[in-house]
PDB file of N, CA and C in Angstrom:
ATOM      1  N   MET A   1     -71.367 154.473 196.082  1.00  0.00           N
ATOM      2  CA  MET A   1     -71.940 153.936 197.519  1.00  0.00           C
ATOM      3  C   MET A   1     -71.324 152.582 197.863  1.00  0.00           C
ATOM      4  N   LEU A   2     -71.588 151.561 197.289  1.00  0.00           N
ATOM      5  CA  LEU A   2     -71.295 150.472 197.176  1.00  0.00           C
ATOM      6  C   LEU A   2     -70.092 149.844 197.400  1.00  0.00           C
ATOM      7  N   ARG A   3     -69.340 150.537 196.237  1.00  0.00           N
ATOM      8  CA  ARG A   3     -67.700 150.164 196.267  1.00  0.00           C
ATOM      9  C   ARG A   3     -66.828 150.959 197.281  1.00  0.00           C
ATOM     10  N   ARG A   4     -67.712 152.009 197.769  1.00  0.00           N
ATOM     11  CA  ARG A   4     -66.609 152.862 198.752  1.00  0.00           C
ATOM     12  C   ARG A   4     -67.035 151.528 200.019  1.00  0.00           C
ATOM     13  N   VAL A   5     -68.093 151.236 200.231  1.00  0.00           N
ATOM     14  CA  VAL A   5     -68.625 150.308 201.453  1.00  0.00           C
ATOM     15  C   VAL A   5     -67.445 149.280 201.224  1.00  0.00           C
ATOM     16  N   HIS A   6     -67.582 148.304 200.320  1.00  0.00           N
ATOM     17  CA  HIS A   6     -66.982 147.472 200.213  1.00  0.00           C
ATOM     18  C   HIS A   6     -65.418 147.262 200.314  1.00  0.00           C
ATOM     19  N   ILE A   7     -65.360 148.522 199.375  1.00  0.00           N
ATOM     20  CA  ILE A   7     -63.236 148.423 200.342  1.00  0.00           C
ATOM     21  C   ILE A   7     -63.300 148.592 201.839  1.00  0.00           C
ATOM     22  N   HIS A   8     -63.678 149.472 202.080  1.00  0.00           N
ATOM     23  CA  HIS A   8     -63.812 149.818 203.683  1.00  0.00           C
ATOM     24  C   HIS A   8     -64.382 148.348 204.634  1.00  0.00           C
ATOM     25  N   VAL A   9     -65.140 147.818 204.479  1.00  0.00           N
ATOM     26  CA  VAL A   9     -65.267 146.737 204.895  1.00  0.00           C
ATOM     27  C   VAL A   9     -64.144 145.591 204.500  1.00  0.00           C
ATOM     28  N   CYS A  10     -64.072 145.451 203.093  1.00  0.00           N
ATOM     29  CA  CYS A  10     -62.855 144.376 203.180  1.00  0.00           C
ATOM     30  C   CYS A  10     -61.492 144.725 203.827  1.00  0.00           C
ATOM     31  N   SER A  11     -61.407 146.338 203.768  1.00  0.00           N
ATOM     32  CA  SER A  11     -59.860 146.712 204.659  1.00  0.00           C
ATOM     33  C   SER A  11     -60.201 146.278 206.000  1.00  0.00           C
ATOM     34  N   LEU A  12     -61.165 146.229 206.664  1.00  0.00           N
ATOM     35  CA  LEU A  12     -61.520 146.089 208.141  1.00  0.00           C
ATOM     36  C   LEU A  12     -61.095 144.503 208.152  1.00  0.00           C
ATOM     37  N   LYS A  13     -61.751 143.659 207.259  1.00  0.00           N
ATOM     38  CA  LYS A  13     -61.445 142.399 207.807  1.00  0.00           C
ATOM     39  C   LYS A  13     -59.681 141.760 206.945  1.00  0.00           C
ATOM     40  N   ASP A  14     -59.575 143.002 206.435  1.00  0.00           N
ATOM     41  CA  ASP A  14     -57.946 142.564 205.995  1.00  0.00           C
ATOM     42  C   ASP A  14     -58.098 141.090 205.273  1.00  0.00           C
ATOM     43  N   LEU A  15     -58.959 141.410 204.142  1.00  0.00           N
ATOM     44  CA  LEU A  15     -59.343 140.931 202.689  1.00  0.00           C
ATOM     45  C   LEU A  15     -59.135 142.335 201.255  1.00  0.00           C
ATOM     46  N   GLU A  16     -58.629 141.258 200.430  1.00  0.00           N
ATOM     47  CA  GLU A  16     -58.721 142.089 198.842  1.00  0.00           C
ATOM     48  C   GLU A  16     -59.664 141.866 198.557  1.00  0.00           C
ATOM     49  N   PRO A  17     -60.059 143.045 197.892  1.00  0.00           N
ATOM     50  CA  PRO A  17     -61.633 143.294 197.111  1.00  0.00           C
ATOM     51  C   PRO A  17     -62.096 142.256 196.343  1.00  0.00           C
ATOM     52  N   GLU A  18     -60.894 141.832 195.560  1.00  0.00           N
ATOM     53  CA  GLU A  18     -61.061 141.103 194.332  1.00  0.00           C
ATOM     54  C   GLU A  18     -61.057 139.285 194.908  1.00  0.00           C
ATOM     55  N   SER A  19     -60.504 139.227 195.974  1.00  0.00           N
ATOM     56  CA  SER A  19     -59.923 138.209 196.618  1.00  0.00           C
ATOM     57  C   SER A  19     -61.518 136.990 196.622  1.00  0.00           C
ATOM     58  N   GLU A  20     -61.433 135.971 197.064  1.00  0.00           N
ATOM     59  CA  GLU A  20     -63.017 135.065 197.378  1.00  0.00           C
ATOM     60  C   GLU A  20     -63.722 135.659 198.167  1.00  0.00           C
ATOM     61  N   GLY A  21     -62.373 136.385 199.318  1.00  0.00           N
ATOM     62  CA  GLY A  21     -64.118 136.808 200.623  1.00  0.00           C
ATOM     63  C   GLY A  21     -64.109 138.199 200.618  1.00  0.00           C
ATOM     64  N   GLY A  22     -63.473 138.682 199.889  1.00  0.00           N
ATOM     65  CA  GLY A  22     -64.018 140.027 199.315  1.00  0.00           C
ATOM     66  C   GLY A  22     -64.925 139.737 198.041  1.00  0.00           C
ATOM     67  N   ALA A  23     -65.448 139.008 197.538  1.00  0.00           N
ATOM     68  CA  ALA A  23     -65.764 138.346 196.370  1.00  0.00           C
ATOM     69  C   ALA A  23     -67.289 138.399 197.168  1.00  0.00           C
ATOM     70  N   GLU A  24     -67.782 137.402 198.106  1.00  0.00           N
ATOM     71  CA  GLU A  24     -68.668 137.394 199.196  1.00  0.00           C
ATOM     72  C   GLU A  24     -69.262 138.246 199.782  1.00  0.00           C
ATOM     73  N   ILE A  25     -68.210 139.458 200.626  1.00  0.00           N
ATOM     74  CA  ILE A  25     -68.599 141.038 200.999  1.00  0.00           C
ATOM     75  C   ILE A  25     -69.248 141.352 199.751  1.00  0.00           C
ATOM     76  N   GLY A  26     -69.126 141.816 198.940  1.00  0.00           N
ATOM     77  CA  GLY A  26     -69.779 142.451 197.533  1.00  0.00           C
ATOM     78  C   GLY A  26     -71.201 141.800 197.250  1.00  0.00           C
ATOM     79  N   LYS A  27     -71.158 140.348 197.186  1.00  0.00           N
ATOM     80  CA  LYS A  27     -72.177 140.022 196.982  1.00  0.00           C
ATOM     81  C   LYS A  27     -73.550 140.361 198.053  1.00  0.00           C
ATOM     82  N   MET A  28     -72.898 140.012 199.563  1.00  0.00           N
ATOM     83  CA  MET A  28     -73.642 140.889 200.539  1.00  0.00           C
ATOM     84  C   MET A  28     -73.921 141.901 200.368  1.00  0.00           C
ATOM     85  N   LEU A  29     -73.308 142.840 199.875  1.00  0.00           N
ATOM     86  CA  LEU A  29     -73.681 143.964 200.461  1.00  0.00           C
ATOM     87  C   LEU A  29     -74.366 144.284 199.115  1.00  0.00           C
ATOM     88  N   PHE A  30     -74.622 143.813 197.850  1.00  0.00           N
ATOM     89  CA  PHE A  30     -75.547 144.011 196.694  1.00  0.00           C
ATOM     90  C   PHE A  30     -76.898 143.642 196.766  1.00  0.00           C
ATOM     91  N   HIS A  31     -77.126 142.547 197.550  1.00  0.00           N
ATOM     92  CA  HIS A  31     -78.515 141.863 198.164  1.00  0.00           C
ATOM     93  C   HIS A  31     -79.124 142.631 199.219  1.00  0.00           C
ATOM     94  N   LEU A  32     -78.400 143.320 200.248  1.00  0.00           N
ATOM     95  CA  LEU A  32     -78.448 144.239 201.445  1.00  0.00           C
ATOM     96  C   LEU A  32     -79.231 145.385 200.908  1.00  0.00           C
ATOM     97  N   TYR A  33     -78.385 145.897 199.681  1.00  0.00           N
ATOM     98  CA  TYR A  33     -78.898 147.433 198.889  1.00  0.00           C
ATOM     99  C   TYR A  33     -80.162 146.846 197.903  1.00  0.00           C
ATOM    100  N   ARG A  34     -80.192 145.761 198.159  1.00  0.00           N
ATOM    101  CA  ARG A  34     -81.558 145.054 196.759  1.00  0.00           C
ATOM    102  C   ARG A  34     -82.888 144.932 197.144  1.00  0.00           C
ATOM    103  N   GLN A  35     -82.184 144.476 199.129  1.00  0.00           N
ATOM    104  CA  GLN A  35     -83.549 144.941 200.113  1.00  0.00           C
ATOM    105  C   GLN A  35     -84.033 145.790 200.139  1.00  0.00           C
ATOM    106  N   GLY A  36     -83.231 147.026 200.583  1.00  0.00           N
ATOM    107  CA  GLY A  36     -83.484 148.611 200.881  1.00  0.00           C
ATOM    108  C   GLY A  36     -82.451 148.888 201.804  1.00  0.00           C
ATOM    109  N   VAL A  37     -81.281 148.408 202.015  1.00  0.00           N
ATOM    110  CA  VAL A  37     -80.251 149.217 202.604  1.00  0.00           C
ATOM    111  C   VAL A  37     -80.227 149.918 202.317  1.00  0.00           C
ATOM    112  N   ARG A  38     -79.540 151.502 202.146  1.00  0.00           N
ATOM    113  CA  ARG A  38     -79.596 152.174 201.762  1.00  0.00           C
ATOM    114  C   ARG A  38     -78.456 153.584 201.834  1.00  0.00           C
ATOM    115  N   SER A  39     -78.259 152.823 203.538  1.00  0.00           N
ATOM    116  CA  SER A  39     -77.125 153.904 204.006  1.00  0.00           C
ATOM    117  C   SER A  39     -76.707 153.221 204.355  1.00  0.00           C
ATOM    118  N   GLU A  40     -74.966 153.584 204.041  1.00  0.00           N
ATOM    119  CA  GLU A  40     -73.543 153.189 204.082  1.00  0.00           C
ATOM    120  C   GLU A  40     -72.897 153.210 205.244  1.00  0.00           C
ATOM    121  N   VAL A  41     -73.497 153.307 206.501  1.00  0.00           N
ATOM    122  CA  VAL A  41     -73.414 153.090 208.062  1.00  0.00           C
ATOM    123  C   VAL A  41     -73.882 151.758 207.868  1.00  0.00           C
ATOM    124  N   GLY A  42     -75.543 151.657 207.431  1.00  0.00           N
ATOM    125  CA  GLY A  42     -76.415 150.117 207.819  1.00  0.00           C
ATOM    126  C   GLY A  42     -75.454 149.029 207.373  1.00  0.00           C
ATOM    127  N   LEU A  43     -74.995 149.571 206.076  1.00  0.00           N
ATOM    128  CA  LEU A  43     -74.590 148.581 205.386  1.00  0.00           C
ATOM    129  C   LEU A  43     -73.463 147.878 206.115  1.00  0.00           C
ATOM    130  N   MET A  44     -72.517 148.828 206.362  1.00  0.00           N
ATOM    131  CA  MET A  44     -71.387 148.245 207.235  1.00  0.00           C
ATOM    132  C   MET A  44     -71.661 148.046 208.159  1.00  0.00           C
ATOM    133  N   ARG A  45     -72.496 147.970 208.740  1.00  0.00           N
ATOM    134  CA  ARG A  45     -72.810 147.343 210.413  1.00  0.00           C
ATOM    135  C   ARG A  45     -73.055 145.913 210.162  1.00  0.00           C
ATOM    136  N   MET A  46     -74.733 145.501 209.213  1.00  0.00           N
ATOM    137  CA  MET A  46     -74.890 144.658 209.052  1.00  0.00           C
ATOM    138  C   MET A  46     -73.707 143.335 208.432  1.00  0.00           C
ATOM    139  N   VAL A  47     -73.372 143.711 207.538  1.00  0.00           N
ATOM    140  CA  VAL A  47     -71.588 142.705 207.274  1.00  0.00           C
ATOM    141  C   VAL A  47     -70.697 143.154 208.078  1.00  0.00           C
ATOM    142  N   ILE A  48     -70.373 143.928 209.023  1.00  0.00           N
ATOM    143  CA  ILE A  48     -69.260 143.652 209.303  1.00  0.00           C
ATOM    144  C   ILE A  48     -69.573 142.927 210.602  1.00  0.00           C
ATOM    145  N   ALA A  49     -71.072 142.617 210.920  1.00  0.00           N
ATOM    146  CA  ALA A  49     -71.650 141.915 212.585  1.00  0.00           C
ATOM    147  C   ALA A  49     -71.799 140.227 211.972  1.00  0.00           C
ATOM    148  N   ASP A  50     -70.891 140.166 210.728  1.00  0.00           N
ATOM    149  CA  ASP A  50     -71.511 138.730 210.040  1.00  0.00           C
ATOM    150  C   ASP A  50     -72.353 138.014 210.062  1.00  0.00           C
ATOM    151  N   GLU A  51     -73.736 138.499 209.886  1.00  0.00           N
ATOM    152  CA  GLU A  51     -74.644 138.436 209.982  1.00  0.00           C
ATOM    153  C   GLU A  51     -75.927 138.230 208.670  1.00  0.00           C
ATOM    154  N   PRO A  52     -75.550 137.606 207.806  1.00  0.00           N
ATOM    155  CA  PRO A  52     -76.259 137.784 206.687  1.00  0.00           C
ATOM    156  C   PRO A  52     -77.778 137.812 206.743  1.00  0.00           C
ATOM    157  N   PRO A  53     -78.825 138.266 205.806  1.00  0.00           N
ATOM    158  CA  PRO A  53     -79.960 137.926 206.545  1.00  0.00           C
ATOM    159  C   PRO A  53     -80.385 136.831 205.589  1.00  0.00           C
ATOM    160  N   PRO A  54     -81.176 136.530 206.702  1.00  0.00           N
ATOM    161  CA  PRO A  54     -81.958 134.655 205.666  1.00  0.00           C
ATOM    162  C   PRO A  54     -82.009 134.681 204.562  1.00  0.00           C
ATOM    163  N   ALA A  55     -82.881 135.560 203.790  1.00  0.00           N
ATOM    164  CA  ALA A  55     -82.727 135.312 202.036  1.00  0.00           C
ATOM    165  C   ALA A  55     -81.327 135.797 201.269  1.00  0.00           C
ATOM    166  N   LEU A  56     -80.896 135.822 202.231  1.00  0.00           N
ATOM    167  CA  LEU A  56     -79.224 135.638 201.175  1.00  0.00           C
ATOM    168  C   LEU A  56     -78.992 134.065 200.950  1.00  0.00           C
ATOM    169  N   GLU A  57     -78.558 133.393 202.374  1.00  0.00           N
ATOM    170  CA  GLU A  57     -78.560 132.139 202.707  1.00  0.00           C
ATOM    171  C   GLU A  57     -79.408 131.219 201.605  1.00  0.00           C
ATOM    172  N   ALA A  58     -80.655 131.307 201.536  1.00  0.00           N
ATOM    173  CA  ALA A  58     -81.303 130.745 200.600  1.00  0.00           C
ATOM    174  C   ALA A  58     -81.340 130.817 198.791  1.00  0.00           C
ATOM    175  N   GLU A  59     -80.215 131.808 198.862  1.00  0.00           N
ATOM    176  CA  GLU A  59     -80.209 132.201 197.058  1.00  0.00           C
ATOM    177  C   GLU A  59     -78.684 130.988 196.339  1.00  0.00           C
TER     178      GLU A  59
END
């Protein structure tokens, strides 16, 4: 599921999943998943909104 969301979000932002920007998106997705966001739609909305959760910025 995370891979599918990662590829979709990267394509929306015109990024390659293996690029530096794609890696940052992957980190955000993994962090959100660890925080309990399990919905594909929820993950996409949070990442596309470019609003990382405060805990992610602290890491």
